[in-house]
Amino acid sequence: MDKVTVMKDIDELHNTYCADCLVIQQLRKERGKPGAHRFCIEACSIGEKLQFLGEELLKVYSK
């Protein structure tokens, strides 16, 4: 994957699923921003995809 493709994929995922996520809005009220962020990292399927794309982006930059 090249840098531009990975960045477009990340932006598309974020804009489609994360920008208006009702789960995150509720978790921020209940647990605060760190708790909501922890949910994204550990339990959200979109968060997993974003982590994978982030690792791919790191591979591109380390070449």
PDB file of N, CA and C in Angstrom:
ATOM      1  N   MET A   1       0.838  -1.179   0.000  1.00  0.00           N
ATOM      2  CA  MET A   1       0.000   0.000   0.000  1.00  0.00           C
ATOM      3  C   MET A   1       0.885   1.244   0.000  1.00  0.00           C
ATOM      4  N   ASP A   2       0.436   2.256  -0.673  1.00  0.00           N
ATOM      5  CA  ASP A   2       1.191   3.499  -0.659  1.00  0.00           C
ATOM      6  C   ASP A   2       0.569   4.479   0.334  1.00  0.00           C
ATOM      7  N   LYS A   3       1.309   5.514   0.654  1.00  0.00           N
ATOM      8  CA  LYS A   3       0.936   6.474   1.686  1.00  0.00           C
ATOM      9  C   LYS A   3      -0.417   7.130   1.407  1.00  0.00           C
ATOM     10  N   VAL A   4      -0.640   7.539   0.191  1.00  0.00           N
ATOM     11  CA  VAL A   4      -1.867   8.253  -0.162  1.00  0.00           C
ATOM     12  C   VAL A   4      -3.088   7.347   0.010  1.00  0.00           C
ATOM     13  N   THR A   5      -2.981   6.112  -0.413  1.00  0.00           N
ATOM     14  CA  THR A   5      -4.092   5.171  -0.290  1.00  0.00           C
ATOM     15  C   THR A   5      -4.437   4.920   1.169  1.00  0.00           C
ATOM     16  N   VAL A   6      -3.418   4.719   1.991  1.00  0.00           N
ATOM     17  CA  VAL A   6      -3.650   4.468   3.410  1.00  0.00           C
ATOM     18  C   VAL A   6      -4.309   5.676   4.069  1.00  0.00           C
ATOM     19  N   MET A   7      -3.830   6.865   3.767  1.00  0.00           N
ATOM     20  CA  MET A   7      -4.395   8.074   4.354  1.00  0.00           C
ATOM     21  C   MET A   7      -5.854   8.271   3.922  1.00  0.00           C
ATOM     22  N   LYS A   8      -6.150   7.995   2.671  1.00  0.00           N
ATOM     23  CA  LYS A   8      -7.536   8.107   2.189  1.00  0.00           C
ATOM     24  C   LYS A   8      -8.435   7.103   2.900  1.00  0.00           C
ATOM     25  N   ASP A   9      -7.934   5.873   3.096  1.00  0.00           N
ATOM     26  CA  ASP A   9      -8.707   4.850   3.792  1.00  0.00           C
ATOM     27  C   ASP A   9      -8.981   5.255   5.240  1.00  0.00           C
ATOM     28  N   ILE A  10      -7.977   5.801   5.904  1.00  0.00           N
ATOM     29  CA  ILE A  10      -8.148   6.258   7.286  1.00  0.00           C
ATOM     30  C   ILE A  10      -9.180   7.370   7.345  1.00  0.00           C
ATOM     31  N   ASP A  11      -9.065   8.351   6.470  1.00  0.00           N
ATOM     32  CA  ASP A  11     -10.022   9.457   6.452  1.00  0.00           C
ATOM     33  C   ASP A  11     -11.438   8.974   6.179  1.00  0.00           C
ATOM     34  N   GLU A  12     -11.575   8.056   5.235  1.00  0.00           N
ATOM     35  CA  GLU A  12     -12.893   7.538   4.884  1.00  0.00           C
ATOM     36  C   GLU A  12     -13.530   6.802   6.063  1.00  0.00           C
ATOM     37  N   LEU A  13     -12.752   5.945   6.735  1.00  0.00           N
ATOM     38  CA  LEU A  13     -13.278   5.229   7.892  1.00  0.00           C
ATOM     39  C   LEU A  13     -13.694   6.198   8.995  1.00  0.00           C
ATOM     40  N   HIS A  14     -12.827   7.157   9.284  1.00  0.00           N
ATOM     41  CA  HIS A  14     -13.131   8.109  10.350  1.00  0.00           C
ATOM     42  C   HIS A  14     -14.375   8.928  10.028  1.00  0.00           C
ATOM     43  N   ASN A  15     -14.449   9.452   8.827  1.00  0.00           N
ATOM     44  CA  ASN A  15     -15.597  10.279   8.449  1.00  0.00           C
ATOM     45  C   ASN A  15     -16.897   9.490   8.395  1.00  0.00           C
ATOM     46  N   THR A  16     -16.824   8.236   7.985  1.00  0.00           N
ATOM     47  CA  THR A  16     -18.019   7.418   7.842  1.00  0.00           C
ATOM     48  C   THR A  16     -18.541   6.914   9.185  1.00  0.00           C
ATOM     49  N   TYR A  17     -17.632   6.429  10.040  1.00  0.00           N
ATOM     50  CA  TYR A  17     -18.064   5.753  11.262  1.00  0.00           C
ATOM     51  C   TYR A  17     -17.786   6.524  12.554  1.00  0.00           C
ATOM     52  N   CYS A  18     -16.693   7.208  12.645  1.00  0.00           N
ATOM     53  CA  CYS A  18     -16.266   7.776  13.930  1.00  0.00           C
ATOM     54  C   CYS A  18     -16.755   9.197  14.188  1.00  0.00           C
ATOM     55  N   ALA A  19     -16.900   9.985  13.166  1.00  0.00           N
ATOM     56  CA  ALA A  19     -17.221  11.401  13.349  1.00  0.00           C
ATOM     57  C   ALA A  19     -18.547  11.612  14.077  1.00  0.00           C
ATOM     58  N   ASP A  20     -19.551  10.821  13.775  1.00  0.00           N
ATOM     59  CA  ASP A  20     -20.868  10.973  14.392  1.00  0.00           C
ATOM     60  C   ASP A  20     -21.256   9.756  15.235  1.00  0.00           C
ATOM     61  N   CYS A  21     -20.275   9.081  15.806  1.00  0.00           N
ATOM     62  CA  CYS A  21     -20.528   7.850  16.560  1.00  0.00           C
ATOM     63  C   CYS A  21     -21.266   8.158  17.866  1.00  0.00           C
ATOM     64  N   LEU A  22     -22.469   7.619  17.992  1.00  0.00           N
ATOM     65  CA  LEU A  22     -23.275   7.834  19.189  1.00  0.00           C
ATOM     66  C   LEU A  22     -22.713   7.098  20.400  1.00  0.00           C
ATOM     67  N   VAL A  23     -22.056   5.972  20.170  1.00  0.00           N
ATOM     68  CA  VAL A  23     -21.456   5.215  21.262  1.00  0.00           C
ATOM     69  C   VAL A  23     -20.368   6.055  21.931  1.00  0.00           C
ATOM     70  N   ILE A  24     -19.522   6.674  21.143  1.00  0.00           N
ATOM     71  CA  ILE A  24     -18.444   7.499  21.681  1.00  0.00           C
ATOM     72  C   ILE A  24     -19.004   8.690  22.438  1.00  0.00           C
ATOM     73  N   GLN A  25     -20.036   9.307  21.906  1.00  0.00           N
ATOM     74  CA  GLN A  25     -20.632  10.447  22.591  1.00  0.00           C
ATOM     75  C   GLN A  25     -21.163  10.048  23.966  1.00  0.00           C
ATOM     76  N   GLN A  26     -21.806   8.896  24.042  1.00  0.00           N
ATOM     77  CA  GLN A  26     -22.328   8.427  25.320  1.00  0.00           C
ATOM     78  C   GLN A  26     -21.209   8.037  26.274  1.00  0.00           C
ATOM     79  N   LEU A  27     -20.194   7.351  25.765  1.00  0.00           N
ATOM     80  CA  LEU A  27     -19.079   6.942  26.615  1.00  0.00           C
ATOM     81  C   LEU A  27     -18.300   8.141  27.141  1.00  0.00           C
ATOM     82  N   ARG A  28     -18.196   9.192  26.368  1.00  0.00           N
ATOM     83  CA  ARG A  28     -17.530  10.405  26.852  1.00  0.00           C
ATOM     84  C   ARG A  28     -18.283  10.998  28.037  1.00  0.00           C
ATOM     85  N   LYS A  29     -19.610  10.920  28.004  1.00  0.00           N
ATOM     86  CA  LYS A  29     -20.403  11.426  29.123  1.00  0.00           C
ATOM     87  C   LYS A  29     -20.215  10.547  30.364  1.00  0.00           C
ATOM     88  N   GLU A  30     -20.174   9.230  30.150  1.00  0.00           N
ATOM     89  CA  GLU A  30     -20.100   8.288  31.264  1.00  0.00           C
ATOM     90  C   GLU A  30     -18.680   8.120  31.809  1.00  0.00           C
ATOM     91  N   ARG A  31     -17.711   7.946  30.925  1.00  0.00           N
ATOM     92  CA  ARG A  31     -16.349   7.591  31.330  1.00  0.00           C
ATOM     93  C   ARG A  31     -15.323   8.686  31.086  1.00  0.00           C
ATOM     94  N   GLY A  32     -15.706   9.707  30.349  1.00  0.00           N
ATOM     95  CA  GLY A  32     -14.748  10.740  29.984  1.00  0.00           C
ATOM     96  C   GLY A  32     -14.039  10.376  28.693  1.00  0.00           C
ATOM     97  N   LYS A  33     -13.239  11.304  28.216  1.00  0.00           N
ATOM     98  CA  LYS A  33     -12.560  11.104  26.940  1.00  0.00           C
ATOM     99  C   LYS A  33     -11.596   9.912  26.952  1.00  0.00           C
ATOM    100  N   PRO A  34     -10.781   9.724  28.028  1.00  0.00           N
ATOM    101  CA  PRO A  34      -9.880   8.559  28.035  1.00  0.00           C
ATOM    102  C   PRO A  34     -10.623   7.223  28.009  1.00  0.00           C
ATOM    103  N   GLY A  35     -11.759   7.146  28.690  1.00  0.00           N
ATOM    104  CA  GLY A  35     -12.537   5.910  28.692  1.00  0.00           C
ATOM    105  C   GLY A  35     -13.126   5.606  27.329  1.00  0.00           C
ATOM    106  N   ALA A  36     -13.591   6.642  26.660  1.00  0.00           N
ATOM    107  CA  ALA A  36     -14.137   6.462  25.316  1.00  0.00           C
ATOM    108  C   ALA A  36     -13.034   6.053  24.343  1.00  0.00           C
ATOM    109  N   HIS A  37     -11.866   6.665  24.491  1.00  0.00           N
ATOM    110  CA  HIS A  37     -10.735   6.328  23.633  1.00  0.00           C
ATOM    111  C   HIS A  37     -10.310   4.875  23.854  1.00  0.00           C
ATOM    112  N   ARG A  38     -10.309   4.436  25.092  1.00  0.00           N
ATOM    113  CA  ARG A  38      -9.952   3.050  25.422  1.00  0.00           C
ATOM    114  C   ARG A  38     -10.922   2.089  24.745  1.00  0.00           C
ATOM    115  N   PHE A  39     -12.213   2.421  24.721  1.00  0.00           N
ATOM    116  CA  PHE A  39     -13.195   1.591  24.034  1.00  0.00           C
ATOM    117  C   PHE A  39     -12.842   1.455  22.556  1.00  0.00           C
ATOM    118  N   CYS A  40     -12.497   2.577  21.925  1.00  0.00           N
ATOM    119  CA  CYS A  40     -12.154   2.549  20.495  1.00  0.00           C
ATOM    120  C   CYS A  40     -10.960   1.637  20.233  1.00  0.00           C
ATOM    121  N   ILE A  41      -9.989   1.689  21.099  1.00  0.00           N
ATOM    122  CA  ILE A  41      -8.771   0.908  20.907  1.00  0.00           C
ATOM    123  C   ILE A  41      -9.022  -0.579  21.140  1.00  0.00           C
ATOM    124  N   GLU A  42      -9.778  -0.906  22.175  1.00  0.00           N
ATOM    125  CA  GLU A  42      -9.896  -2.299  22.592  1.00  0.00           C
ATOM    126  C   GLU A  42     -11.118  -3.036  22.059  1.00  0.00           C
ATOM    127  N   ALA A  43     -12.230  -2.351  21.857  1.00  0.00           N
ATOM    128  CA  ALA A  43     -13.473  -3.067  21.586  1.00  0.00           C
ATOM    129  C   ALA A  43     -14.121  -2.754  20.240  1.00  0.00           C
ATOM    130  N   CYS A  44     -13.776  -1.650  19.623  1.00  0.00           N
ATOM    131  CA  CYS A  44     -14.448  -1.244  18.394  1.00  0.00           C
ATOM    132  C   CYS A  44     -13.806  -1.882  17.166  1.00  0.00           C
ATOM    133  N   SER A  45     -14.619  -2.437  16.290  1.00  0.00           N
ATOM    134  CA  SER A  45     -14.085  -3.073  15.077  1.00  0.00           C
ATOM    135  C   SER A  45     -13.467  -2.036  14.135  1.00  0.00           C
ATOM    136  N   ILE A  46     -14.019  -0.837  14.103  1.00  0.00           N
ATOM    137  CA  ILE A  46     -13.448   0.222  13.269  1.00  0.00           C
ATOM    138  C   ILE A  46     -12.110   0.660  13.847  1.00  0.00           C
ATOM    139  N   GLY A  47     -12.013   0.695  15.172  1.00  0.00           N
ATOM    140  CA  GLY A  47     -10.746   1.018  15.818  1.00  0.00           C
ATOM    141  C   GLY A  47      -9.652   0.024  15.443  1.00  0.00           C
ATOM    142  N   GLU A  48     -10.012  -1.239  15.347  1.00  0.00           N
ATOM    143  CA  GLU A  48      -9.052  -2.264  14.934  1.00  0.00           C
ATOM    144  C   GLU A  48      -8.571  -2.021  13.504  1.00  0.00           C
ATOM    145  N   LYS A  49      -9.501  -1.666  12.634  1.00  0.00           N
ATOM    146  CA  LYS A  49      -9.131  -1.380  11.243  1.00  0.00           C
ATOM    147  C   LYS A  49      -8.219  -0.154  11.167  1.00  0.00           C
ATOM    148  N   LEU A  50      -8.527   0.861  11.979  1.00  0.00           N
ATOM    149  CA  LEU A  50      -7.692   2.061  11.999  1.00  0.00           C
ATOM    150  C   LEU A  50      -6.285   1.750  12.524  1.00  0.00           C
ATOM    151  N   GLN A  51      -6.201   0.881  13.516  1.00  0.00           N
ATOM    152  CA  GLN A  51      -4.892   0.470  14.021  1.00  0.00           C
ATOM    153  C   GLN A  51      -4.092  -0.252  12.947  1.00  0.00           C
ATOM    154  N   PHE A  52      -4.754  -1.132  12.210  1.00  0.00           N
ATOM    155  CA  PHE A  52      -4.077  -1.847  11.127  1.00  0.00           C
ATOM    156  C   PHE A  52      -3.557  -0.873  10.077  1.00  0.00           C
ATOM    157  N   LEU A  53      -4.397   0.084   9.695  1.00  0.00           N
ATOM    158  CA  LEU A  53      -3.980   1.062   8.689  1.00  0.00           C
ATOM    159  C   LEU A  53      -2.843   1.938   9.215  1.00  0.00           C
ATOM    160  N   GLY A  54      -2.878   2.248  10.497  1.00  0.00           N
ATOM    161  CA  GLY A  54      -1.789   3.013  11.099  1.00  0.00           C
ATOM    162  C   GLY A  54      -0.474   2.252  11.042  1.00  0.00           C
ATOM    163  N   GLU A  55      -0.528   0.954  11.290  1.00  0.00           N
ATOM    164  CA  GLU A  55       0.682   0.130  11.184  1.00  0.00           C
ATOM    165  C   GLU A  55       1.184   0.077   9.748  1.00  0.00           C
ATOM    166  N   GLU A  56       0.268  -0.002   8.797  1.00  0.00           N
ATOM    167  CA  GLU A  56       0.664   0.014   7.387  1.00  0.00           C
ATOM    168  C   GLU A  56       1.327   1.342   7.027  1.00  0.00           C
ATOM    169  N   LEU A  57       0.819   2.418   7.576  1.00  0.00           N
ATOM    170  CA  LEU A  57       1.391   3.734   7.323  1.00  0.00           C
ATOM    171  C   LEU A  57       2.802   3.833   7.898  1.00  0.00           C
ATOM    172  N   LEU A  58       3.000   3.255   9.064  1.00  0.00           N
ATOM    173  CA  LEU A  58       4.342   3.234   9.663  1.00  0.00           C
ATOM    174  C   LEU A  58       5.316   2.436   8.796  1.00  0.00           C
ATOM    175  N   LYS A  59       4.834   1.351   8.202  1.00  0.00           N
ATOM    176  CA  LYS A  59       5.684   0.546   7.318  1.00  0.00           C
ATOM    177  C   LYS A  59       6.119   1.376   6.104  1.00  0.00           C
ATOM    178  N   VAL A  60       5.204   2.174   5.568  1.00  0.00           N
ATOM    179  CA  VAL A  60       5.509   3.009   4.409  1.00  0.00           C
ATOM    180  C   VAL A  60       6.579   4.040   4.760  1.00  0.00           C
ATOM    181  N   TYR A  61       6.439   4.649   5.941  1.00  0.00           N
ATOM    182  CA  TYR A  61       7.385   5.694   6.356  1.00  0.00           C
ATOM    183  C   TYR A  61       8.735   5.136   6.757  1.00  0.00           C
ATOM    184  N   SER A  62       8.789   3.861   7.195  1.00  0.00           N
ATOM    185  CA  SER A  62      10.070   3.308   7.637  1.00  0.00           C
ATOM    186  C   SER A  62      10.918   2.784   6.491  1.00  0.00           C
ATOM    187  N   LYS A  63      10.358   2.766   5.283  1.00  0.00           N
ATOM    188  CA  LYS A  63      11.119   2.282   4.129  1.00  0.00           C
ATOM    189  C   LYS A  63      12.144   3.285   3.689  1.00  0.00           C
TER     190      LYS A  63
END
